[in-house]
C-alpha atoms as a PDB file:
ATOM      1  CA  MET A   1     -90.578-182.437  -2.711  1.00  0.00           C
ATOM      2  CA  LEU A   2     -88.380-181.937  -5.676  1.00  0.00           C
ATOM      3  CA  ARG A   3     -85.751-180.018  -5.541  1.00  0.00           C
ATOM      4  CA  GLN A   4     -83.888-178.248  -8.452  1.00  0.00           C
ATOM      5  CA  SER A   5     -80.508-176.420  -8.361  1.00  0.00           C
ATOM      6  CA  ILE A   6     -78.375-176.169 -11.634  1.00  0.00           C
ATOM      7  CA  HIS A   7     -73.872-175.355 -11.192  1.00  0.00           C
ATOM      8  CA  ASP A   8     -72.314-174.543 -14.435  1.00  0.00           C
ATOM      9  CA  GLY A   9     -74.276-176.216 -16.709  1.00  0.00           C
ATOM     10  CA  ILE A  10     -75.190-179.710 -14.467  1.00  0.00           C
ATOM     11  CA  LEU A  11     -78.739-179.734 -13.213  1.00  0.00           C
ATOM     12  CA  THR A  12     -79.084-181.440  -9.604  1.00  0.00           C
ATOM     13  CA  MET A  13     -82.428-183.181  -9.014  1.00  0.00           C
ATOM     14  CA  ARG A  14     -82.717-183.811  -5.275  1.00  0.00           C
ATOM     15  CA  LEU A  15     -85.895-186.059  -3.838  1.00  0.00           C
ATOM     16  CA  ASP A  16     -86.724-184.476  -0.821  1.00  0.00           C
ATOM     17  CA  ARG A  17     -90.218-186.116   0.779  1.00  0.00           C
ATOM     18  CA  GLY A  18     -90.358-187.168   4.519  1.00  0.00           C
ATOM     19  CA  LYS A  19     -87.630-189.533   5.910  1.00  0.00           C
ATOM     20  CA  ALA A  20     -87.925-191.879   3.088  1.00  0.00           C
ATOM     21  CA  ASN A  21     -88.588-189.612  -0.207  1.00  0.00           C
ATOM     22  CA  ALA A  22     -90.785-192.379  -0.902  1.00  0.00           C
ATOM     23  CA  LEU A  23     -92.873-192.396  -4.108  1.00  0.00           C
ATOM     24  CA  ASP A  24     -96.471-191.033  -4.409  1.00  0.00           C
ATOM     25  CA  ARG A  25     -98.246-189.353  -7.666  1.00  0.00           C
ATOM     26  CA  ASP A  26     -97.205-186.395  -6.889  1.00  0.00           C
ATOM     27  CA  LEU A  27     -93.760-186.464  -6.520  1.00  0.00           C
ATOM     28  CA  LEU A  28     -93.224-188.803  -9.576  1.00  0.00           C
ATOM     29  CA  GLU A  29     -95.224-186.108 -11.596  1.00  0.00           C
ATOM     30  CA  ARG A  30     -92.708-182.978 -10.675  1.00  0.00           C
ATOM     31  CA  LEU A  31     -89.604-185.540 -11.607  1.00  0.00           C
ATOM     32  CA  ALA A  32     -91.242-185.995 -14.937  1.00  0.00           C
ATOM     33  CA  GLU A  33     -91.599-182.451 -15.766  1.00  0.00           C
ATOM     34  CA  ALA A  34     -88.160-181.714 -14.684  1.00  0.00           C
ATOM     35  CA  LEU A  35     -86.810-184.161 -16.853  1.00  0.00           C
ATOM     36  CA  ASP A  36     -88.550-182.846 -19.966  1.00  0.00           C
ATOM     37  CA  GLY A  37     -87.258-179.505 -18.779  1.00  0.00           C
ATOM     38  CA  PHE A  38     -84.010-180.634 -18.427  1.00  0.00           C
ATOM     39  CA  ALA A  39     -84.550-182.742 -22.179  1.00  0.00           C
ATOM     40  CA  ARG A  40     -85.311-179.437 -23.723  1.00  0.00           C
ATOM     41  CA  ASP A  41     -83.002-176.783 -22.602  1.00  0.00           C
ATOM     42  CA  ASP A  42     -79.627-177.077 -24.469  1.00  0.00           C
ATOM     43  CA  ALA A  43     -77.879-174.912 -21.878  1.00  0.00           C
ATOM     44  CA  LEU A  44     -77.963-178.128 -19.743  1.00  0.00           C
ATOM     45  CA  ARG A  45     -75.566-180.792 -20.632  1.00  0.00           C
ATOM     46  CA  ALA A  46     -75.978-183.748 -17.811  1.00  0.00           C
ATOM     47  CA  ALA A  47     -77.785-184.297 -14.476  1.00  0.00           C
ATOM     48  CA  VAL A  48     -77.495-185.750 -10.969  1.00  0.00           C
ATOM     49  CA  LEU A  49     -80.263-187.714  -9.178  1.00  0.00           C
ATOM     50  CA  THR A  50     -79.703-187.621  -5.656  1.00  0.00           C
ATOM     51  CA  GLY A  51     -81.969-187.833  -2.433  1.00  0.00           C
ATOM     52  CA  THR A  52     -82.463-185.999   0.901  1.00  0.00           C
ATOM     53  CA  GLY A  53     -80.797-187.463   4.410  1.00  0.00           C
ATOM     54  CA  SER A  54     -80.442-190.748   4.847  1.00  0.00           C
ATOM     55  CA  ILE A  55     -82.311-192.523   2.114  1.00  0.00           C
ATOM     56  CA  PHE A  56     -82.183-192.200  -1.508  1.00  0.00           C
ATOM     57  CA  CYS A  57     -85.906-193.726  -1.927  1.00  0.00           C
ATOM     58  CA  ALA A  58     -87.392-196.397  -0.085  1.00  0.00           C
ATOM     59  CA  GLY A  59     -89.820-196.728  -3.104  1.00  0.00           C
ATOM     60  CA  VAL A  60     -93.749-196.609  -2.774  1.00  0.00           C
ATOM     61  CA  ASP A  61     -95.301-194.492  -0.672  1.00  0.00           C
ATOM     62  CA  LEU A  62     -97.526-197.597   0.335  1.00  0.00           C
ATOM     63  CA  TYR A  63     -99.460-196.050   2.806  1.00  0.00           C
ATOM     64  CA  ARG A  64    -100.700-193.416  -0.306  1.00  0.00           C
ATOM     65  CA  VAL A  65    -101.456-196.528  -2.403  1.00  0.00           C
ATOM     66  CA  LEU A  66    -103.904-198.080   0.719  1.00  0.00           C
ATOM     67  CA  ASP A  67    -105.371-194.765   1.554  1.00  0.00           C
ATOM     68  CA  GLY A  68    -106.257-193.780  -2.400  1.00  0.00           C
ATOM     69  CA  GLY A  69    -107.467-197.449  -3.194  1.00  0.00           C
ATOM     70  CA  ALA A  70    -108.439-198.775  -6.345  1.00  0.00           C
ATOM     71  CA  GLU A  71    -108.806-195.096  -8.121  1.00  0.00           C
ATOM     72  CA  TYR A  72    -105.573-194.368  -6.705  1.00  0.00           C
ATOM     73  CA  ALA A  73    -103.740-197.278  -8.210  1.00  0.00           C
ATOM     74  CA  ARG A  74    -105.542-196.811 -11.028  1.00  0.00           C
ATOM     75  CA  ALA A  75    -104.040-193.489 -11.543  1.00  0.00           C
ATOM     76  CA  PHE A  76    -100.618-194.185 -10.209  1.00  0.00           C
ATOM     77  CA  VAL A  77     -99.341-196.962 -12.092  1.00  0.00           C
ATOM     78  CA  PRO A  78     -99.174-195.253 -15.150  1.00  0.00           C
ATOM     79  CA  VAL A  79     -97.431-192.320 -13.446  1.00  0.00           C
ATOM     80  CA  LEU A  80     -94.604-194.178 -12.087  1.00  0.00           C
ATOM     81  CA  ALA A  81     -94.022-196.364 -15.570  1.00  0.00           C
ATOM     82  CA  GLY A  82     -93.852-193.161 -17.186  1.00  0.00           C
ATOM     83  CA  THR A  83     -91.432-191.369 -14.936  1.00  0.00           C
ATOM     84  CA  PHE A  84     -89.232-194.364 -15.097  1.00  0.00           C
ATOM     85  CA  HIS A  85     -89.884-194.228 -18.858  1.00  0.00           C
ATOM     86  CA  ARG A  86     -88.767-190.806 -19.100  1.00  0.00           C
ATOM     87  CA  LEU A  87     -85.614-191.059 -16.690  1.00  0.00           C
ATOM     88  CA  PHE A  88     -84.199-193.992 -19.132  1.00  0.00           C
ATOM     89  CA  ALA A  89     -84.678-192.604 -22.499  1.00  0.00           C
ATOM     90  CA  CYS A  90     -83.812-189.363 -21.364  1.00  0.00           C
ATOM     91  CA  PRO A  91     -81.353-188.786 -24.242  1.00  0.00           C
ATOM     92  CA  LYS A  92     -78.559-186.228 -21.804  1.00  0.00           C
ATOM     93  CA  PRO A  93     -76.429-187.953 -18.945  1.00  0.00           C
ATOM     94  CA  ILE A  94     -77.723-188.562 -15.831  1.00  0.00           C
ATOM     95  CA  VAL A  95     -75.660-189.629 -12.896  1.00  0.00           C
ATOM     96  CA  ALA A  96     -77.414-191.319  -9.628  1.00  0.00           C
ATOM     97  CA  ALA A  97     -76.068-190.392  -6.698  1.00  0.00           C
ATOM     98  CA  ILE A  98     -77.426-192.605  -3.915  1.00  0.00           C
ATOM     99  CA  ASN A  99     -77.084-191.458  -0.810  1.00  0.00           C
ATOM    100  CA  GLY A 100     -78.496-194.075   1.613  1.00  0.00           C
ATOM    101  CA  HIS A 101     -80.875-196.684   0.752  1.00  0.00           C
ATOM    102  CA  ALA A 102     -82.421-197.173  -2.531  1.00  0.00           C
ATOM    103  CA  ILE A 103     -85.134-200.009  -1.964  1.00  0.00           C
ATOM    104  CA  ALA A 104     -87.765-201.272  -4.986  1.00  0.00           C
ATOM    105  CA  GLY A 105     -88.973-197.787  -6.664  1.00  0.00           C
ATOM    106  CA  GLY A 106     -85.855-196.541  -5.337  1.00  0.00           C
ATOM    107  CA  CYS A 107     -83.201-198.978  -6.475  1.00  0.00           C
ATOM    108  CA  VAL A 108     -85.160-198.606 -10.254  1.00  0.00           C
ATOM    109  CA  LEU A 109     -84.181-194.890 -10.352  1.00  0.00           C
ATOM    110  CA  ALA A 110     -80.961-195.326  -9.694  1.00  0.00           C
ATOM    111  CA  ALA A 111     -80.945-198.584 -12.236  1.00  0.00           C
ATOM    112  CA  ALA A 112     -82.480-196.164 -15.023  1.00  0.00           C
ATOM    113  CA  CYS A 113     -79.354-193.569 -14.751  1.00  0.00           C
ATOM    114  CA  ASP A 114     -76.303-193.898 -16.856  1.00  0.00           C
ATOM    115  CA  TYR A 115     -73.867-193.684 -13.946  1.00  0.00           C
ATOM    116  CA  ARG A 116     -74.932-194.931 -10.149  1.00  0.00           C
ATOM    117  CA  LEU A 117     -72.640-193.518  -7.308  1.00  0.00           C
ATOM    118  CA  MET A 118     -73.771-195.121  -3.662  1.00  0.00           C
ATOM    119  CA  ALA A 119     -72.612-193.727  -0.320  1.00  0.00           C
ATOM    120  CA  SER A 120     -70.382-196.082   1.601  1.00  0.00           C
ATOM    121  CA  GLY A 121     -72.206-197.304   4.833  1.00  0.00           C
ATOM    122  CA  ASP A 122     -75.160-199.173   6.110  1.00  0.00           C
ATOM    123  CA  GLY A 123     -77.317-198.471   2.886  1.00  0.00           C
ATOM    124  CA  THR A 124     -78.431-200.827   1.055  1.00  0.00           C
ATOM    125  CA  ILE A 125     -80.425-201.252  -2.386  1.00  0.00           C
ATOM    126  CA  GLY A 126     -82.659-203.961  -3.974  1.00  0.00           C
ATOM    127  CA  VAL A 127     -86.126-204.570  -4.967  1.00  0.00           C
ATOM    128  CA  PRO A 128     -88.386-206.715  -2.837  1.00  0.00           C
ATOM    129  CA  GLU A 129     -91.756-206.181  -4.551  1.00  0.00           C
ATOM    130  CA  LEU A 130     -92.610-210.082  -4.350  1.00  0.00           C
ATOM    131  CA  THR A 131     -92.264-209.950  -0.901  1.00  0.00           C
ATOM    132  CA  VAL A 132     -94.110-206.373  -0.525  1.00  0.00           C
ATOM    133  CA  GLY A 133     -97.150-208.377  -2.916  1.00  0.00           C
ATOM    134  CA  VAL A 134     -97.169-206.203  -5.940  1.00  0.00           C
ATOM    135  CA  PRO A 135     -95.850-206.204  -9.550  1.00  0.00           C
ATOM    136  CA  PHE A 136     -93.739-203.799 -11.252  1.00  0.00           C
ATOM    137  CA  PRO A 137     -94.977-202.225 -14.298  1.00  0.00           C
ATOM    138  CA  LEU A 138     -93.214-203.706 -16.965  1.00  0.00           C
ATOM    139  CA  VAL A 139     -90.162-200.195 -17.992  1.00  0.00           C
ATOM    140  CA  ALA A 140     -89.153-201.057 -13.815  1.00  0.00           C
ATOM    141  CA  ILE A 141     -88.178-205.345 -14.857  1.00  0.00           C
ATOM    142  CA  GLU A 142     -86.457-203.801 -18.491  1.00  0.00           C
ATOM    143  CA  ILE A 143     -84.980-201.039 -16.199  1.00  0.00           C
ATOM    144  CA  LEU A 144     -83.215-203.864 -13.739  1.00  0.00           C
ATOM    145  CA  ARG A 145     -82.597-206.336 -17.013  1.00  0.00           C
ATOM    146  CA  PHE A 146     -80.671-203.414 -18.967  1.00  0.00           C
ATOM    147  CA  ALA A 147     -78.814-202.561 -15.637  1.00  0.00           C
ATOM    148  CA  THR A 148     -77.555-205.764 -14.166  1.00  0.00           C
ATOM    149  CA  SER A 149     -76.321-209.087 -15.533  1.00  0.00           C
ATOM    150  CA  THR A 150     -78.365-211.719 -16.652  1.00  0.00           C
ATOM    151  CA  ALA A 151     -77.059-214.069 -13.720  1.00  0.00           C
ATOM    152  CA  HIS A 152     -78.114-211.872 -11.037  1.00  0.00           C
ATOM    153  CA  LEU A 153     -81.878-210.721 -12.168  1.00  0.00           C
ATOM    154  CA  GLN A 154     -83.802-213.280 -11.112  1.00  0.00           C
ATOM    155  CA  ASP A 155     -81.869-213.197  -7.483  1.00  0.00           C
ATOM    156  CA  LEU A 156     -82.672-209.466  -7.180  1.00  0.00           C
ATOM    157  CA  VAL A 157     -86.375-209.707  -8.527  1.00  0.00           C
ATOM    158  CA  TYR A 158     -87.489-213.713  -7.405  1.00  0.00           C
ATOM    159  CA  ARG A 159     -85.820-213.331  -3.445  1.00  0.00           C
ATOM    160  CA  GLY A 160     -86.576-209.347  -2.843  1.00  0.00           C
ATOM    161  CA  THR A 161     -82.950-209.620  -1.930  1.00  0.00           C
ATOM    162  CA  THR A 162     -81.710-205.795  -1.201  1.00  0.00           C
ATOM    163  CA  TYR A 163     -77.800-205.578  -1.321  1.00  0.00           C
ATOM    164  CA  SER A 164     -74.928-204.018   0.431  1.00  0.00           C
ATOM    165  CA  THR A 165     -72.853-201.339  -0.989  1.00  0.00           C
ATOM    166  CA  SER A 166     -70.353-203.778  -1.811  1.00  0.00           C
ATOM    167  CA  ALA A 167     -72.025-206.524  -2.815  1.00  0.00           C
ATOM    168  CA  ALA A 168     -74.236-204.151  -5.195  1.00  0.00           C
ATOM    169  CA  CYS A 169     -70.780-202.924  -6.483  1.00  0.00           C
ATOM    170  CA  GLU A 170     -70.238-207.021  -7.246  1.00  0.00           C
ATOM    171  CA  ARG A 171     -73.690-207.319  -9.359  1.00  0.00           C
ATOM    172  CA  GLY A 172     -73.334-204.151 -11.361  1.00  0.00           C
ATOM    173  CA  LEU A 173     -76.411-202.372  -9.691  1.00  0.00           C
ATOM    174  CA  VAL A 174     -73.719-199.849  -8.526  1.00  0.00           C
ATOM    175  CA  ASP A 175     -70.704-199.082 -10.290  1.00  0.00           C
ATOM    176  CA  GLU A 176     -68.445-196.995  -7.658  1.00  0.00           C
ATOM    177  CA  VAL A 177     -69.009-196.965  -4.311  1.00  0.00           C
ATOM    178  CA  VAL A 178     -67.585-193.743  -2.549  1.00  0.00           C
ATOM    179  CA  ALA A 179     -67.339-191.748   0.888  1.00  0.00           C
ATOM    180  CA  PRO A 180     -70.115-190.152   2.079  1.00  0.00           C
ATOM    181  CA  ASP A 181     -68.943-186.668   2.212  1.00  0.00           C
ATOM    182  CA  GLU A 182     -67.675-186.960  -1.048  1.00  0.00           C
ATOM    183  CA  LEU A 183     -70.624-188.208  -2.834  1.00  0.00           C
ATOM    184  CA  ALA A 184     -72.206-185.421  -4.254  1.00  0.00           C
ATOM    185  CA  ASP A 185     -69.028-183.556  -5.440  1.00  0.00           C
ATOM    186  CA  ARG A 186     -67.867-187.138  -7.428  1.00  0.00           C
ATOM    187  CA  ALA A 187     -70.895-187.219  -8.681  1.00  0.00           C
ATOM    188  CA  VAL A 188     -70.812-183.661 -10.260  1.00  0.00           C
ATOM    189  CA  THR A 189     -67.515-185.284 -11.791  1.00  0.00           C
ATOM    190  CA  VAL A 190     -68.413-188.035 -13.061  1.00  0.00           C
ATOM    191  CA  ALA A 191     -71.873-185.869 -15.001  1.00  0.00           C
ATOM    192  CA  ARG A 192     -68.621-183.042 -15.952  1.00  0.00           C
ATOM    193  CA  ARG A 193     -67.193-186.128 -17.700  1.00  0.00           C
ATOM    194  CA  LEU A 194     -70.347-187.656 -19.623  1.00  0.00           C
ATOM    195  CA  ALA A 195     -71.263-184.067 -20.008  1.00  0.00           C
ATOM    196  CA  SER A 196     -68.041-183.520 -22.145  1.00  0.00           C
ATOM    197  CA  GLU A 197     -68.593-185.967 -24.732  1.00  0.00           C
ATOM    198  CA  PRO A 198     -70.258-183.930 -27.617  1.00  0.00           C
ATOM    199  CA  ALA A 199     -74.036-183.765 -27.085  1.00  0.00           C
ATOM    200  CA  ALA A 200     -75.675-185.483 -30.204  1.00  0.00           C
ATOM    201  CA  ARG A 201     -72.748-188.144 -29.890  1.00  0.00           C
ATOM    202  CA  PHE A 202     -73.913-189.208 -26.619  1.00  0.00           C
ATOM    203  CA  ARG A 203     -77.018-188.944 -27.076  1.00  0.00           C
ATOM    204  CA  LEU A 204     -76.440-191.684 -30.009  1.00  0.00           C
ATOM    205  CA  THR A 205     -74.723-193.783 -28.387  1.00  0.00           C
ATOM    206  CA  LYS A 206     -77.202-194.034 -25.465  1.00  0.00           C
ATOM    207  CA  GLN A 207     -79.961-194.594 -27.940  1.00  0.00           C
ATOM    208  CA  GLN A 208     -77.671-197.564 -29.238  1.00  0.00           C
ATOM    209  CA  LEU A 209     -77.363-199.126 -26.156  1.00  0.00           C
ATOM    210  CA  ARG A 210     -80.662-198.637 -24.747  1.00  0.00           C
ATOM    211  CA  ALA A 211     -82.968-198.825 -27.946  1.00  0.00           C
ATOM    212  CA  PRO A 212     -83.433-202.732 -27.631  1.00  0.00           C
ATOM    213  CA  THR A 213     -85.067-202.777 -24.321  1.00  0.00           C
ATOM    214  CA  ILE A 214     -87.400-199.825 -25.459  1.00  0.00           C
ATOM    215  CA  ALA A 215     -88.493-201.462 -27.538  1.00  0.00           C
ATOM    216  CA  THR A 216     -89.229-203.914 -25.887  1.00  0.00           C
ATOM    217  CA  ILE A 217     -91.085-202.268 -23.740  1.00  0.00           C
ATOM    218  CA  ALA A 218     -93.524-200.241 -26.327  1.00  0.00           C
ATOM    219  CA  ALA A 219     -94.043-203.879 -27.530  1.00  0.00           C
ATOM    220  CA  HIS A 220     -95.344-205.252 -24.626  1.00  0.00           C
ATOM    221  CA  ALA A 221     -96.087-202.433 -22.161  1.00  0.00           C
ATOM    222  CA  ALA A 222     -99.640-202.583 -22.982  1.00  0.00           C
ATOM    223  CA  GLU A 223    -100.670-205.459 -22.006  1.00  0.00           C
ATOM    224  CA  THR A 224     -98.268-206.436 -19.505  1.00  0.00           C
ATOM    225  CA  ASP A 225     -99.597-203.300 -17.675  1.00  0.00           C
ATOM    226  CA  ALA A 226    -102.927-204.121 -18.080  1.00  0.00           C
ATOM    227  CA  ALA A 227    -102.266-207.070 -16.028  1.00  0.00           C
ATOM    228  CA  VAL A 228    -100.308-205.097 -13.453  1.00  0.00           C
ATOM    229  CA  LEU A 229    -102.836-202.593 -12.510  1.00  0.00           C
ATOM    230  CA  ALA A 230    -105.169-205.362 -11.937  1.00  0.00           C
ATOM    231  CA  GLU A 231    -102.887-206.992  -9.222  1.00  0.00           C
ATOM    232  CA  TRP A 232    -102.454-203.735  -7.676  1.00  0.00           C
ATOM    233  CA  GLU A 233    -106.555-202.892  -7.512  1.00  0.00           C
ATOM    234  CA  ARG A 234    -107.523-207.067  -6.189  1.00  0.00           C
ATOM    235  CA  PRO A 235    -108.251-207.246  -2.419  1.00  0.00           C
ATOM    236  CA  GLU A 236    -105.803-209.533  -1.728  1.00  0.00           C
ATOM    237  CA  THR A 237    -102.762-207.319  -2.916  1.00  0.00           C
ATOM    238  CA  VAL A 238    -104.495-204.693  -0.735  1.00  0.00           C
ATOM    239  CA  ALA A 239    -103.938-207.109   2.378  1.00  0.00           C
ATOM    240  CA  ALA A 240    -100.793-207.878   1.314  1.00  0.00           C
ATOM    241  CA  ILE A 241     -99.391-204.548   1.495  1.00  0.00           C
ATOM    242  CA  ARG A 242    -101.101-204.108   4.942  1.00  0.00           C
ATOM    243  CA  ALA A 243     -99.793-207.099   6.093  1.00  0.00           C
ATOM    244  CA  TYR A 244     -96.057-206.330   4.901  1.00  0.00           C
ATOM    245  CA  LEU A 245     -96.543-202.142   6.458  1.00  0.00           C
ATOM    246  CA  ASP A 246     -97.981-203.941   9.612  1.00  0.00           C
ATOM    247  CA  GLY A 247     -95.032-205.955   9.789  1.00  0.00           C
ATOM    248  CA  ARG A 248     -92.402-203.400   9.416  1.00  0.00           C
ATOM    249  CA  ARG A 249     -94.233-201.226  12.555  1.00  0.00           C
ATOM    250  CA  ARG A 250     -93.752-204.193  14.581  1.00  0.00           C
ATOM    251  CA  ARG A 251     -89.769-204.601  13.562  1.00  0.00           C
END
């Protein structure tokens, strides 16, 4: 589900859950635990987050949401928000090696990292949450606001556009596009470069960059996410998710 390996002080966290690496509660909890361990371990200097196969992460496992109903949603949404927050606020450098499609929650995972590399090819990245019919918790929106320019944020969120690698790079969702067979090595190289800075200096600088976003989340998440969770539990939202999944099956 989440495979980890360490080489020369660089931790690689590889999403490995089915074809789409879709996010369920178990995978998110394992990722959160791995991030906590990474932050505590002084021997680990940087990390790479990547996927398995041809997909980085296709976002939330909506089938699991439908199967679990309101009870699952009540447990899942806080775990989703908490894992996003851990990734964004981690004091050490994390590089996203986007090996394919990064959709919805997968896009947010990538956006939360310090540097984003994406493999060239047919992979796309974006957040079609409104077209699916479910709202994000506040932390996800704030991560996207931090990661991309204001000029492109509304197009990204309102229209649910999924971008090609080149278009994503132009809009700041991706920092660099590399050949698929070079992605892993290039990600480790970038991770090592970021880790070459003194740890205390990097930590302070990252904190300065991200503190306003984290403060906004702290001030407003409780109220906003209560409304988000209420939306996830509404029968109309469940129906919208089911219709979206049915439409995907017919394609």
